[in-house]
C-alpha cells in the first residue's frame, strides 16, 4: 500500500512533465507554409460584371510583367470602343484601336487596360452604359491594385463620345484623357449641334487643367473634324491643357495611327492626379501630313541605289530601278511600287504605310552596300548585289551577230 501511494503521485508527475514537453515541442514545430498562388495569367483575359441583375462580359489586359504578389501599383486605362464593336460576347472590342496596337507593341504600353463592351443597340452616352464601364474600371482597379493617381481615359468614335461624357462627369478621376475621332455632337443626336456655341465650353470648364489630347482625320465624314476643333478652341479659351493633332487626308479611321504614335503612352505616363505643380495652360494644334514632302534627288544619286537586294537567307527581297527621275521598287512577286526620298539616305512609300522606311547603308567610301527595311513592327537588312539600269537609260545592247566580213 505504501509503495502504491508513492508510485501513483510520481507517475502523475511524470506524465504531466511528458505532456508539457510534448506541447512545447509542438509549439516549436513550424506551421506548414500556405500553398503558393498559381501564376497570374497575363494578356487579354475574360472578365464578367454583375450589375443591377445583368451580367456583362468584358476584357482586361495585363502586361506580361504583371505579378499579383509584388503589390506594384500599375497605371490603368479605361478604353471605350466604337459603334461597330457593340455586342454581348465581350471580345469584339479587342480587335480595333488601342488593343490592336498593344498586340503590335506591348513594350510601349505598360498599363492595365480595361475594355468594356457596349451592348447593342445602346450607345456609350447612355447612362447605364457609362455606369457599367465605371463599375468595371473600379472592379479591376481593386482586383489588380492599380494606381488611382495614374488612371487614364481614352475612346474612339462612339467611344470618343462616351469618353467626353465620362471626362465631364468624373473630371477628378482622370490623370489624362486621349480622344480619337470623337466629340460632344453625337451622330445619333443631331439636335446637339444647336448648342455648338455653348456645349464645348461646358466640357472645358468641367475638366479644368486635366490634360487632353485629341486626334482627328481632316477628311472624317462620320464624326466631322470640326468637333475636335470646337473642343480645342473651348479648352484654349478656358486656359485648359489641350493638344490637337489633325491628320491630313485621313478619313474616320484616325485611331490606327493615333494609338501607334510612340509619344502617346509616354504622354499619358507623364501625368498624375494631384501633381505638383499642376498642369499649366497649354494649347497645341498640329497638322500632321500622311507622308513627308518628297525630295527630288539627282539621277546619279538614284542610280547608285539601283540593284538587287537580298535578304538574310539570300533570297531576292526587292529590286530598285530608276525611270526618269523616279525610283521604283519591284518585289519578288513582280509588284512595282513608287519610292520617294525624304533625304539622301531615307526613303518612303507614298502609297504605303505611314511608318515604313528604307534606310540606305553605305561603306566608308560612300558606296551603297544595302538597305534596312523598317515598318512599325520590325526591320530587315537587305544586301545590295548588282545594279539594274532602267530601260530608257540603259546603253544600246551589243549585237551578238558576227561582224560582216569585207569583200
Protein backbone atom coordinates (compact mmCIF):
# COMPACT_ATOMS: atom_id res chain seq x y z
CA UNK A 1 0.00 0.00 0.00
CA UNK A 2 2.81 2.35 0.92
CA UNK A 3 4.56 1.54 -2.38
CA UNK A 4 1.36 2.29 -4.29
CA UNK A 5 0.91 5.62 -2.54
CA UNK A 6 4.40 6.63 -3.57
CA UNK A 7 4.20 5.30 -7.14
CA UNK A 8 0.94 6.90 -8.20
CA UNK A 9 1.88 10.55 -7.45
CA UNK A 10 5.25 10.03 -9.13
CA UNK A 11 3.63 8.58 -12.20
CA UNK A 12 1.23 11.52 -12.38
CA UNK A 13 4.11 13.99 -12.20
CA UNK A 14 6.00 12.13 -14.95
CA UNK A 15 3.00 12.06 -17.23
CA UNK A 16 2.44 15.78 -16.64
CA UNK A 17 6.01 16.60 -17.49
CA UNK A 18 5.76 14.48 -20.64
CA UNK A 19 2.63 16.32 -21.71
CA UNK A 20 4.25 19.72 -21.12
CA UNK A 21 7.35 18.68 -23.04
CA UNK A 22 5.25 17.39 -25.93
CA UNK A 23 3.25 20.61 -26.03
CA UNK A 24 6.41 22.71 -26.00
CA UNK A 25 7.83 20.64 -28.83
CA UNK A 26 4.62 21.04 -30.79
CA UNK A 27 4.79 24.81 -30.40
CA UNK A 28 8.30 24.89 -31.77
CA UNK A 29 7.35 22.97 -34.90
CA UNK A 30 6.87 25.50 -37.75
CA UNK A 31 3.42 25.81 -39.26
CA UNK A 32 3.14 24.46 -42.80
CA UNK A 33 3.55 27.14 -45.47
CA UNK A 34 0.41 28.04 -47.41
CA UNK A 35 0.35 26.66 -50.93
CA UNK A 36 1.80 29.11 -53.46
CA UNK A 37 -0.65 31.08 -55.58
CA UNK A 38 -0.80 29.97 -59.20
CA UNK A 39 0.99 32.32 -61.60
CA UNK A 40 -1.22 35.21 -62.67
CA UNK A 41 -2.34 34.91 -66.27
CA UNK A 42 -1.45 37.92 -68.40
CA UNK A 43 -2.55 39.27 -71.76
CA UNK A 44 -6.23 39.72 -72.61
CA UNK A 45 -8.41 38.00 -70.01
CA UNK A 46 -12.15 37.29 -69.99
CA UNK A 47 -13.98 39.05 -67.18
CA UNK A 48 -17.59 39.46 -66.03
CA UNK A 49 -19.52 42.05 -64.03
CA UNK A 50 -22.93 41.57 -62.43
CA UNK A 51 -24.71 44.92 -62.18
CA UNK A 52 -28.39 45.50 -61.39
CA UNK A 53 -29.32 41.96 -62.37
CA UNK A 54 -27.40 41.96 -65.67
CA UNK A 55 -24.18 40.10 -66.38
CA UNK A 56 -21.74 41.93 -68.64
CA UNK A 57 -18.76 40.31 -70.36
CA UNK A 58 -15.62 42.33 -70.95
CA UNK A 59 -11.82 42.09 -71.14
CA UNK A 60 -8.89 43.27 -69.10
CA UNK A 61 -5.33 43.38 -70.38
CA UNK A 62 -2.44 42.66 -68.01
CA UNK A 63 1.15 43.24 -69.18
CA UNK A 64 3.42 40.21 -69.21
CA UNK A 65 5.44 41.72 -66.34
CA UNK A 66 2.42 41.92 -64.06
CA UNK A 67 2.75 39.91 -60.81
CA UNK A 68 -0.10 39.89 -58.33
CA UNK A 69 2.11 39.28 -55.31
CA UNK A 70 4.53 42.17 -55.81
CA UNK A 71 1.80 44.73 -54.96
CA UNK A 72 3.18 47.11 -57.57
CA UNK A 73 0.67 49.91 -58.28
CA UNK A 74 0.19 49.76 -62.06
CA UNK A 75 -1.20 52.58 -64.19
CA UNK A 76 -4.63 51.75 -65.63
CA UNK A 77 -6.52 52.82 -68.78
CA UNK A 78 -10.24 52.69 -69.49
CA UNK A 79 -10.75 52.18 -73.26
CA UNK A 80 -14.12 52.72 -74.97
CA UNK A 81 -14.53 51.13 -78.42
CA UNK A 82 -16.53 52.34 -81.42
CA UNK A 83 -20.02 51.67 -82.72
CA UNK A 84 -19.09 48.60 -84.75
CA UNK A 85 -17.83 46.61 -81.77
CA UNK A 86 -21.04 46.58 -79.73
CA UNK A 87 -22.26 43.21 -78.51
CA UNK A 88 -22.53 40.91 -75.51
CA UNK A 89 -19.77 38.31 -76.04
CA UNK A 90 -17.13 40.59 -74.53
CA UNK A 91 -14.40 40.22 -77.15
CA UNK A 92 -15.07 42.23 -80.33
CA UNK A 93 -13.72 45.39 -78.72
CA UNK A 94 -10.22 43.87 -78.62
CA UNK A 95 -9.93 43.86 -82.43
CA UNK A 96 -9.56 47.59 -83.07
CA UNK A 97 -7.85 50.70 -81.79
CA UNK A 98 -5.76 50.53 -78.63
CA UNK A 99 -5.86 46.74 -78.07
CA UNK A 100 -4.68 46.17 -81.64
CA UNK A 101 -1.66 48.41 -81.09
CA UNK A 102 -0.97 46.76 -77.72
CA UNK A 103 -0.66 43.45 -79.56
CA UNK A 104 1.79 45.03 -82.01
CA UNK A 105 3.79 46.95 -79.40
CA UNK A 106 3.27 45.58 -75.90
CA UNK A 107 6.54 47.16 -74.82
CA UNK A 108 5.05 50.63 -75.37
CA UNK A 109 2.00 50.04 -73.18
CA UNK A 110 2.95 49.11 -69.57
CA UNK A 111 -0.64 49.56 -68.37
CA UNK A 112 -3.55 47.55 -67.08
CA UNK A 113 -6.25 48.20 -69.69
CA UNK A 114 -9.96 47.75 -69.02
CA UNK A 115 -12.02 47.09 -72.17
CA UNK A 116 -15.78 47.16 -71.50
CA UNK A 117 -18.23 46.35 -74.29
CA UNK A 118 -21.27 48.48 -75.04
CA UNK A 119 -24.28 46.24 -75.59
CA UNK A 120 -26.34 46.51 -78.78
CA UNK A 121 -28.35 48.66 -79.57
CA UNK A 122 -27.12 51.02 -76.84
CA UNK A 123 -24.59 53.83 -77.08
CA UNK A 124 -21.73 54.77 -74.80
CA UNK A 125 -23.54 58.02 -73.99
CA UNK A 126 -26.37 56.04 -72.33
CA UNK A 127 -26.27 56.42 -68.56
CA UNK A 128 -26.45 52.64 -67.94
CA UNK A 129 -23.50 52.01 -70.23
CA UNK A 130 -21.36 54.66 -68.55
CA UNK A 131 -22.16 53.22 -65.12
CA UNK A 132 -21.24 49.76 -66.36
CA UNK A 133 -17.89 50.99 -67.72
CA UNK A 134 -17.03 52.73 -64.46
CA UNK A 135 -18.04 49.69 -62.40
CA UNK A 136 -15.73 47.50 -64.47
CA UNK A 137 -12.90 50.02 -64.03
CA UNK A 138 -13.50 50.01 -60.27
CA UNK A 139 -13.55 46.21 -60.17
CA UNK A 140 -10.23 45.85 -61.98
CA UNK A 141 -8.59 48.68 -60.04
CA UNK A 142 -9.35 46.80 -56.82
CA UNK A 143 -8.58 43.31 -58.14
CA UNK A 144 -5.19 44.19 -59.60
CA UNK A 145 -4.22 47.03 -57.21
CA UNK A 146 -3.97 49.69 -59.91
CA UNK A 147 -2.69 53.18 -59.13
CA UNK A 148 -5.61 55.62 -58.67
CA UNK A 149 -3.28 58.55 -59.34
CA UNK A 150 -2.48 57.15 -62.79
CA UNK A 151 -5.92 56.37 -64.14
CA UNK A 152 -6.40 57.34 -67.80
CA UNK A 153 -9.34 57.55 -70.19
CA UNK A 154 -9.46 57.03 -73.94
CA UNK A 155 -12.02 56.28 -76.63
CA UNK A 156 -12.52 56.29 -80.38
CA UNK A 157 -15.51 57.33 -82.49
CA UNK A 158 -18.66 56.45 -80.48
CA UNK A 159 -16.27 55.61 -77.65
CA UNK A 160 -14.94 59.14 -78.04
CA UNK A 161 -18.47 60.42 -77.42
CA UNK A 162 -18.63 58.33 -74.25
CA UNK A 163 -15.14 59.36 -73.17
CA UNK A 164 -16.15 63.02 -73.33
CA UNK A 165 -19.14 62.26 -71.08
CA UNK A 166 -17.04 60.40 -68.51
CA UNK A 167 -14.40 63.13 -68.63
CA UNK A 168 -17.05 65.78 -67.92
CA UNK A 169 -18.94 63.76 -65.29
CA UNK A 170 -15.85 62.41 -63.45
CA UNK A 171 -13.28 65.15 -64.05
CA UNK A 172 -11.20 64.36 -60.94
CA UNK A 173 -10.86 60.68 -61.80
CA UNK A 174 -8.53 61.03 -64.78
CA UNK A 175 -4.85 61.91 -64.83
CA UNK A 176 -5.11 62.49 -68.61
CA UNK A 177 -7.59 61.91 -71.44
CA UNK A 178 -6.98 60.95 -75.11
CA UNK A 179 -9.90 61.04 -77.55
CA UNK A 180 -9.76 59.99 -81.21
CA UNK A 181 -12.39 60.93 -83.81
CA UNK A 182 -14.84 61.93 -81.09
CA UNK A 183 -16.74 64.97 -79.89
CA UNK A 184 -19.80 66.18 -77.99
CA UNK A 185 -22.13 66.27 -81.02
CA UNK A 186 -23.39 62.72 -81.33
CA UNK A 187 -24.28 61.49 -84.83
CA UNK A 188 -27.49 59.94 -83.43
CA UNK A 189 -28.48 63.23 -81.72
CA UNK A 190 -28.04 65.93 -84.40
CA UNK A 191 -30.02 68.44 -82.34
CA UNK A 192 -26.96 68.85 -80.11
CA UNK A 193 -25.41 70.98 -82.85
CA UNK A 194 -27.84 73.73 -81.83
CA UNK A 195 -25.62 74.10 -78.74
CA UNK A 196 -22.39 74.47 -80.71
CA UNK A 197 -21.70 77.90 -79.21
CA UNK A 198 -22.00 76.78 -75.58
CA UNK A 199 -21.59 73.00 -75.25
CA UNK A 200 -17.80 72.79 -75.79
CA UNK A 201 -17.23 75.38 -73.08
CA UNK A 202 -19.22 73.31 -70.59
CA UNK A 203 -16.83 70.40 -71.06
CA UNK A 204 -13.75 72.62 -70.93
CA UNK A 205 -14.80 74.24 -67.66
CA UNK A 206 -15.65 70.87 -66.11
CA UNK A 207 -12.21 69.40 -66.89
CA UNK A 208 -10.20 72.48 -66.00
CA UNK A 209 -6.50 71.70 -66.40
CA UNK A 210 -6.87 67.94 -66.90
CA UNK A 211 -4.52 67.22 -69.86
CA UNK A 212 -6.46 66.30 -73.02
CA UNK A 213 -5.05 65.08 -76.35
CA UNK A 214 -7.35 64.99 -79.38
CA UNK A 215 -6.71 63.25 -82.73
CA UNK A 216 -8.83 63.61 -85.87
CA UNK A 217 -8.65 62.96 -89.61
CA UNK A 218 -9.10 66.06 -91.75
CA UNK A 219 -11.43 64.19 -94.13
CA UNK A 220 -13.56 62.45 -91.49
CA UNK A 221 -17.12 62.32 -92.87
CA UNK A 222 -18.53 60.29 -89.94
CA UNK A 223 -17.53 62.46 -87.00
CA UNK A 224 -16.58 65.83 -88.54
CA UNK A 225 -13.17 67.17 -87.67
CA UNK A 226 -14.94 70.39 -86.65
CA UNK A 227 -15.98 68.66 -83.42
CA UNK A 228 -12.39 68.41 -82.23
CA UNK A 229 -11.65 71.93 -83.47
CA UNK A 230 -14.51 73.34 -81.38
CA UNK A 231 -13.34 71.43 -78.31
CA UNK A 232 -9.76 72.60 -78.82
CA UNK A 233 -10.86 76.23 -79.10
CA UNK A 234 -13.02 75.91 -75.97
CA UNK A 235 -10.18 74.47 -73.89
CA UNK A 236 -7.79 77.12 -75.18
CA UNK A 237 -10.26 79.89 -74.32
CA UNK A 238 -10.71 78.49 -70.81
CA UNK A 239 -6.98 78.12 -70.10
CA UNK A 240 -7.09 74.35 -70.34
CA UNK A 241 -4.29 71.94 -71.20
CA UNK A 242 -5.05 70.59 -74.68
CA UNK A 243 -3.38 69.18 -77.78
CA UNK A 244 -4.98 68.57 -81.19
CA UNK A 245 -3.32 66.62 -83.97
CA UNK A 246 -5.11 66.70 -87.32
CA UNK A 247 -4.05 64.02 -89.81
CA UNK A 248 -4.07 65.45 -93.33
CA UNK A 249 -6.12 63.45 -95.83
CA UNK A 250 -7.21 60.85 -93.29
CA UNK A 251 -10.83 59.77 -93.01
CA UNK A 252 -12.67 58.35 -89.99
CA UNK A 253 -10.06 55.77 -89.01
CA UNK A 254 -7.53 58.07 -87.42
CA UNK A 255 -7.20 55.76 -84.41
CA UNK A 256 -4.87 53.28 -86.11
CA UNK A 257 -2.27 55.99 -86.47
CA UNK A 258 -3.07 57.78 -83.21
CA UNK A 259 -2.64 54.72 -81.00
CA UNK A 260 0.51 53.91 -82.96
CA UNK A 261 2.12 57.24 -82.02
CA UNK A 262 5.03 56.24 -79.74
CA UNK A 263 4.62 59.51 -77.87
CA UNK A 264 1.04 58.80 -76.74
CA UNK A 265 1.75 56.24 -73.96
CA UNK A 266 4.72 58.31 -72.78
CA UNK A 267 2.49 61.39 -72.64
CA UNK A 268 -0.10 59.56 -70.54
CA UNK A 269 2.52 58.36 -68.06
CA UNK A 270 3.88 61.89 -67.73
CA UNK A 271 0.67 62.94 -65.95
CA UNK A 272 -0.62 62.09 -62.48
CA UNK A 273 -3.59 63.21 -60.45
CA UNK A 274 -2.85 65.95 -57.92
CA UNK A 275 0.57 66.50 -59.45
CA UNK A 276 2.72 69.33 -58.12
CA UNK A 277 2.94 71.69 -59.85
CA UNK A 278 -0.39 71.26 -61.61
CA UNK A 279 -0.50 71.30 -65.42
CA UNK A 280 -0.23 74.81 -66.81
CA UNK A 281 -2.42 76.33 -69.54
CA UNK A 282 -1.27 74.86 -72.82
CA UNK A 283 -2.68 74.66 -76.36
CA UNK A 284 -1.00 72.88 -79.28
CA UNK A 285 -2.59 72.31 -82.68
CA UNK A 286 -0.53 70.44 -85.27
CA UNK A 287 -1.39 69.37 -88.81
CA UNK A 288 0.31 66.04 -89.43
CA UNK A 289 0.93 65.07 -93.08
CA UNK A 290 0.35 61.49 -94.11
CA UNK A 291 3.87 61.43 -95.59
CA UNK A 292 6.75 63.93 -95.70
CA UNK A 293 7.21 66.15 -98.73
CA UNK A 294 9.34 64.18 -101.22
CA UNK A 295 12.84 65.31 -102.02
CA UNK A 296 13.99 65.20 -105.65
CA UNK A 297 17.43 63.61 -105.94
CA UNK A 298 19.82 63.73 -108.95
CA UNK A 299 19.70 60.80 -111.34
CA UNK A 300 23.25 59.82 -110.37
CA UNK A 301 22.22 59.51 -106.71
CA UNK A 302 19.27 57.31 -107.66
CA UNK A 303 21.44 55.17 -109.95
CA UNK A 304 23.78 54.50 -107.04
CA UNK A 305 20.82 52.83 -105.29
CA UNK A 306 19.61 50.64 -108.13
CA UNK A 307 20.17 46.93 -108.00
CA UNK A 308 19.00 43.68 -106.47
CA UNK A 309 18.73 43.46 -102.71
CA UNK A 310 18.82 40.09 -100.96
CA UNK A 311 17.52 39.18 -97.51
CA UNK A 312 19.45 37.30 -94.84
CA UNK A 313 18.56 33.95 -96.42
CA UNK A 314 19.99 35.01 -99.77
CA UNK A 315 16.60 35.44 -101.47
CA UNK A 316 15.75 38.46 -103.57
CA UNK A 317 13.77 40.82 -101.33
CA UNK A 318 13.47 43.76 -103.73
CA UNK A 319 14.87 45.29 -106.88
CA UNK A 320 15.30 49.06 -107.10
CA UNK A 321 15.36 50.70 -110.51
CA UNK A 322 15.03 54.20 -111.95
CA UNK A 323 12.83 55.54 -114.72
CA UNK A 324 13.44 59.20 -115.43
CA UNK A 325 13.65 60.98 -112.07
CA UNK A 326 11.53 58.39 -110.25
CA UNK A 327 12.78 55.46 -108.17
CA UNK A 328 10.74 52.25 -108.07
CA UNK A 329 10.81 49.00 -106.15
CA UNK A 330 9.82 45.63 -107.60
CA UNK A 331 9.06 42.93 -105.04
CA UNK A 332 9.68 39.17 -105.59
CA UNK A 333 6.13 38.79 -106.96
CA UNK A 334 6.59 41.44 -109.63
CA UNK A 335 4.58 44.19 -107.90
CA UNK A 336 6.05 47.63 -108.61
CA UNK A 337 5.81 50.48 -106.08
CA UNK A 338 6.95 54.10 -106.13
CA UNK A 339 9.67 55.03 -103.67
CA UNK A 340 10.22 58.66 -102.64
CA UNK A 341 13.12 60.31 -100.82
CA UNK A 342 12.82 62.24 -97.58
CA UNK A 343 16.63 62.54 -97.56
CA UNK A 344 19.56 61.05 -99.46
CA UNK A 345 19.54 58.10 -97.05
CA UNK A 346 15.88 57.67 -96.12
CA UNK A 347 13.04 56.70 -98.46
CA UNK A 348 9.31 56.08 -98.00
CA UNK A 349 6.42 54.59 -99.96
CA UNK A 350 3.91 57.35 -100.87
CA UNK A 351 1.16 54.76 -101.33
CA UNK A 352 2.18 52.65 -98.35
CA UNK A 353 2.33 52.69 -94.58
CA UNK A 354 2.98 55.86 -92.64
CA UNK A 355 5.85 54.36 -90.69
CA UNK A 356 7.56 52.27 -93.41
CA UNK A 357 11.06 53.37 -94.41
CA UNK A 358 14.06 52.22 -96.42
CA UNK A 359 17.32 53.42 -94.86
CA UNK A 360 20.42 53.29 -97.04
CA UNK A 361 23.67 51.77 -95.74
CA UNK A 362 27.00 52.84 -97.20
CA UNK A 363 30.62 51.76 -96.77
CA UNK A 364 33.39 54.24 -95.75
CA UNK A 365 33.91 55.14 -99.42
CA UNK A 366 30.23 56.07 -99.78
CA UNK A 367 29.20 53.07 -101.90
CA UNK A 368 25.74 51.65 -101.21
CA UNK A 369 26.04 48.24 -99.57
CA UNK A 370 22.43 47.61 -98.56
CA UNK A 371 19.23 48.99 -97.13
CA UNK A 372 17.30 48.43 -93.92
CA UNK A 373 13.55 47.97 -94.38
CA UNK A 374 11.61 49.15 -91.31
CA UNK A 375 7.94 49.34 -90.52
CA UNK A 376 6.33 49.93 -87.14
CA UNK A 377 6.77 46.29 -86.12
CA UNK A 378 10.12 45.02 -87.35
CA UNK A 379 13.15 45.58 -89.56
CA UNK A 380 15.01 43.59 -92.20
CA UNK A 381 18.51 44.04 -93.64
CA UNK A 382 18.77 43.69 -97.42
CA UNK A 383 22.21 43.39 -99.01
CA UNK A 384 22.79 45.04 -102.37
CA UNK A 385 24.01 42.73 -105.13
CA UNK A 386 24.24 44.30 -108.55
CA UNK A 387 22.90 47.46 -110.18
CA UNK A 388 19.97 47.35 -112.57
CA UNK A 389 19.77 50.12 -115.15
CA UNK A 390 16.39 51.43 -116.23
CA UNK A 391 15.46 50.65 -119.83
CA UNK A 392 15.38 54.23 -121.04
CA UNK A 393 18.80 54.99 -119.57
CA UNK A 394 20.49 51.70 -120.49
CA UNK A 395 23.16 51.75 -123.23
CA UNK A 396 22.25 50.11 -126.54
CA UNK A 397 22.58 46.36 -126.44
CA UNK A 398 25.56 44.97 -128.26
CA UNK A 399 24.81 42.75 -131.23
CA UNK A 400 25.60 39.08 -130.79
CA UNK A 401 25.86 38.58 -134.59
CA UNK A 402 29.37 38.31 -136.06
CA UNK A 403 30.62 41.47 -137.74
CA UNK A 404 30.16 41.41 -141.51
CA UNK A 405 33.27 40.45 -143.47
CA UNK A 406 34.70 42.77 -146.11
CA UNK A 407 34.70 41.83 -149.80
